PDB file of N, CA and C in Angstrom:
ATOM      1  N   MET A   1       0.972  -0.876  -0.127  1.00  0.00           N
ATOM      2  CA  MET A   1      -0.182   0.136   0.186  1.00  0.00           C
ATOM      3  C   MET A   1       1.095   1.509  -0.136  1.00  0.00           C
ATOM      4  N   LEU A   2       1.669   1.257   0.799  1.00  0.00           N
ATOM      5  CA  LEU A   2       2.923   2.458   1.104  1.00  0.00           C
ATOM      6  C   LEU A   2       3.418   2.613  -0.489  1.00  0.00           C
ATOM      7  N   GLU A   3       3.867   1.701  -1.035  1.00  0.00           N
ATOM      8  CA  GLU A   3       4.244   1.617  -2.713  1.00  0.00           C
ATOM      9  C   GLU A   3       3.511   2.947  -3.440  1.00  0.00           C
ATOM     10  N   MET A   4       2.340   3.057  -3.068  1.00  0.00           N
ATOM     11  CA  MET A   4       1.823   3.834  -4.183  1.00  0.00           C
ATOM     12  C   MET A   4       2.121   5.290  -3.716  1.00  0.00           C
ATOM     13  N   TYR A   5       2.652   5.455  -2.584  1.00  0.00           N
ATOM     14  CA  TYR A   5       2.852   7.000  -2.093  1.00  0.00           C
ATOM     15  C   TYR A   5       4.578   7.214  -2.377  1.00  0.00           C
ATOM     16  N   ARG A   6       5.531   5.917  -2.988  1.00  0.00           N
ATOM     17  CA  ARG A   6       6.213   6.105  -3.135  1.00  0.00           C
ATOM     18  C   ARG A   6       6.989   6.357  -4.081  1.00  0.00           C
ATOM     19  N   LEU A   7       6.488   6.295  -5.382  1.00  0.00           N
ATOM     20  CA  LEU A   7       6.648   6.638  -6.550  1.00  0.00           C
ATOM     21  C   LEU A   7       7.484   8.001  -6.752  1.00  0.00           C
ATOM     22  N   PRO A   8       8.444   7.777  -7.763  1.00  0.00           N
ATOM     23  CA  PRO A   8       9.334   8.778  -8.166  1.00  0.00           C
ATOM     24  C   PRO A   8       8.599  10.189  -8.427  1.00  0.00           C
ATOM     25  N   PRO A   9       9.569  11.100  -8.170  1.00  0.00           N
ATOM     26  CA  PRO A   9       8.926  12.753  -8.643  1.00  0.00           C
ATOM     27  C   PRO A   9       8.553  12.761 -10.047  1.00  0.00           C
ATOM     28  N   ARG A  10       7.515  12.763 -10.548  1.00  0.00           N
ATOM     29  CA  ARG A  10       7.238  13.323 -11.971  1.00  0.00           C
ATOM     30  C   ARG A  10       7.669  14.880 -12.357  1.00  0.00           C
ATOM     31  N   PRO A  11       8.639  15.184 -12.998  1.00  0.00           N
ATOM     32  CA  PRO A  11       8.881  16.980 -13.839  1.00  0.00           C
ATOM     33  C   PRO A  11       7.440  17.411 -14.337  1.00  0.00           C
ATOM     34  N   ASP A  12       6.185  16.631 -14.635  1.00  0.00           N
ATOM     35  CA  ASP A  12       5.114  17.227 -14.747  1.00  0.00           C
ATOM     36  C   ASP A  12       4.238  17.885 -14.141  1.00  0.00           C
ATOM     37  N   LEU A  13       4.467  17.244 -12.738  1.00  0.00           N
ATOM     38  CA  LEU A  13       3.281  17.269 -11.673  1.00  0.00           C
ATOM     39  C   LEU A  13       4.476  18.344 -10.383  1.00  0.00           C
ATOM     40  N   GLY A  14       5.683  17.902 -10.427  1.00  0.00           N
ATOM     41  CA  GLY A  14       6.845  18.769 -10.244  1.00  0.00           C
ATOM     42  C   GLY A  14       6.411  19.405  -8.317  1.00  0.00           C
ATOM     43  N   HIS A  15       6.022  20.238  -7.955  1.00  0.00           N
ATOM     44  CA  HIS A  15       5.891  20.399  -6.487  1.00  0.00           C
ATOM     45  C   HIS A  15       4.724  20.171  -5.963  1.00  0.00           C
ATOM     46  N   ASP A  16       3.272  20.131  -6.985  1.00  0.00           N
ATOM     47  CA  ASP A  16       1.961  19.256  -6.772  1.00  0.00           C
ATOM     48  C   ASP A  16       2.194  18.227  -6.180  1.00  0.00           C
ATOM     49  N   PHE A  17       2.943  17.400  -6.717  1.00  0.00           N
ATOM     50  CA  PHE A  17       3.343  15.747  -6.836  1.00  0.00           C
ATOM     51  C   PHE A  17       3.649  15.525  -5.144  1.00  0.00           C
ATOM     52  N   ARG A  18       4.576  16.618  -4.337  1.00  0.00           N
ATOM     53  CA  ARG A  18       5.398  16.600  -3.029  1.00  0.00           C
ATOM     54  C   ARG A  18       4.869  16.946  -2.367  1.00  0.00           C
ATOM     55  N   LEU A  19       3.573  17.943  -2.620  1.00  0.00           N
ATOM     56  CA  LEU A  19       2.857  18.295  -1.567  1.00  0.00           C
ATOM     57  C   LEU A  19       1.787  17.464  -1.069  1.00  0.00           C
ATOM     58  N   PHE A  20       1.226  16.368  -2.381  1.00  0.00           N
ATOM     59  CA  PHE A  20       0.537  15.368  -2.234  1.00  0.00           C
ATOM     60  C   PHE A  20       0.952  14.434  -1.336  1.00  0.00           C
ATOM     61  N   GLU A  21       2.577  14.070  -1.554  1.00  0.00           N
ATOM     62  CA  GLU A  21       3.057  12.721  -1.055  1.00  0.00           C
ATOM     63  C   GLU A  21       3.159  13.083   0.501  1.00  0.00           C
ATOM     64  N   SER A  22       3.263  14.386   0.561  1.00  0.00           N
ATOM     65  CA  SER A  22       3.659  14.718   2.206  1.00  0.00           C
ATOM     66  C   SER A  22       2.108  14.695   2.634  1.00  0.00           C
ATOM     67  N   HIS A  23       1.571  15.307   2.265  1.00  0.00           N
ATOM     68  CA  HIS A  23      -0.360  15.084   2.388  1.00  0.00           C
ATOM     69  C   HIS A  23      -0.628  13.543   3.011  1.00  0.00           C
ATOM     70  N   ALA A  24      -0.375  12.683   2.117  1.00  0.00           N
ATOM     71  CA  ALA A  24      -0.367  11.449   2.395  1.00  0.00           C
ATOM     72  C   ALA A  24      -0.089  10.842   2.943  1.00  0.00           C
ATOM     73  N   GLN A  25       1.554  10.626   3.450  1.00  0.00           N
ATOM     74  CA  GLN A  25       2.149  10.187   4.410  1.00  0.00           C
ATOM     75  C   GLN A  25       1.572  10.711   5.817  1.00  0.00           C
ATOM     76  N   ALA A  26       1.271  11.937   5.604  1.00  0.00           N
ATOM     77  CA  ALA A  26       0.680  12.722   7.051  1.00  0.00           C
ATOM     78  C   ALA A  26      -0.765  12.075   7.446  1.00  0.00           C
ATOM     79  N   ARG A  27      -1.614  11.630   6.370  1.00  0.00           N
ATOM     80  CA  ARG A  27      -2.559  11.275   6.856  1.00  0.00           C
ATOM     81  C   ARG A  27      -2.458   9.839   6.926  1.00  0.00           C
ATOM     82  N   MET A  28      -1.445   8.968   6.337  1.00  0.00           N
ATOM     83  CA  MET A  28      -1.176   7.583   6.743  1.00  0.00           C
ATOM     84  C   MET A  28      -0.871   7.212   8.561  1.00  0.00           C
ATOM     85  N   GLU A  29      -0.051   8.327   8.737  1.00  0.00           N
ATOM     86  CA  GLU A  29       0.597   8.573   9.920  1.00  0.00           C
ATOM     87  C   GLU A  29      -0.707   8.791  10.609  1.00  0.00           C
ATOM     88  N   MET A  30      -1.559   9.556  10.609  1.00  0.00           N
ATOM     89  CA  MET A  30      -2.534  10.059  11.880  1.00  0.00           C
ATOM     90  C   MET A  30      -3.508   8.793  11.751  1.00  0.00           C
ATOM     91  N   THR A  31      -4.006   8.318  10.785  1.00  0.00           N
ATOM     92  CA  THR A  31      -4.923   6.787  10.489  1.00  0.00           C
ATOM     93  C   THR A  31      -4.374   5.890  11.498  1.00  0.00           C
ATOM     94  N   THR A  32      -3.000   5.564  11.597  1.00  0.00           N
ATOM     95  CA  THR A  32      -2.521   4.327  12.725  1.00  0.00           C
ATOM     96  C   THR A  32      -2.979   4.357  13.651  1.00  0.00           C
ATOM     97  N   ASP A  33      -3.849   2.969  13.485  1.00  0.00           N
ATOM     98  CA  ASP A  33      -4.533   2.580  15.445  1.00  0.00           C
ATOM     99  C   ASP A  33      -3.459   1.919  15.901  1.00  0.00           C
TER     100      ASP A  33
END
Protein backbone atom coordinates (compact mmCIF):
# COMPACT_ATOMS: atom_id res chain seq x y z
CA MET A 1 0.00 0.00 0.00
CA LEU A 2 2.79 2.44 0.87
CA GLU A 3 4.41 1.74 -2.50
CA MET A 4 1.69 3.88 -4.09
CA TYR A 5 2.98 6.93 -2.23
CA ARG A 6 6.65 6.19 -2.95
CA LEU A 7 6.53 6.95 -6.67
CA PRO A 8 9.47 8.87 -8.15
CA PRO A 9 8.89 12.64 -8.54
CA ARG A 10 7.42 13.41 -11.96
CA PRO A 11 8.61 16.61 -13.71
CA ASP A 12 5.10 17.26 -15.08
CA LEU A 13 3.66 17.31 -11.55
CA GLY A 14 6.68 18.83 -9.84
CA HIS A 15 5.84 20.73 -6.64
CA ASP A 16 2.20 19.64 -6.48
CA PHE A 17 3.24 15.98 -6.30
CA ARG A 18 5.57 16.70 -3.38
CA LEU A 19 2.74 18.40 -1.51
CA PHE A 20 0.45 15.45 -2.26
CA GLU A 21 3.09 12.96 -1.14
CA SER A 22 3.71 14.71 2.19
CA HIS A 23 -0.04 15.09 2.71
CA ALA A 24 -0.60 11.39 2.02
CA GLN A 25 2.18 10.44 4.44
CA ALA A 26 0.69 12.69 7.12
CA ARG A 27 -2.72 11.08 6.65
CA MET A 28 -1.19 7.60 6.91
CA GLU A 29 0.51 8.54 10.19
CA MET A 30 -2.69 10.08 11.57
CA THR A 31 -4.82 7.06 10.71
CA THR A 32 -2.55 4.44 12.32
CA ASP A 33 -4.42 2.70 15.12
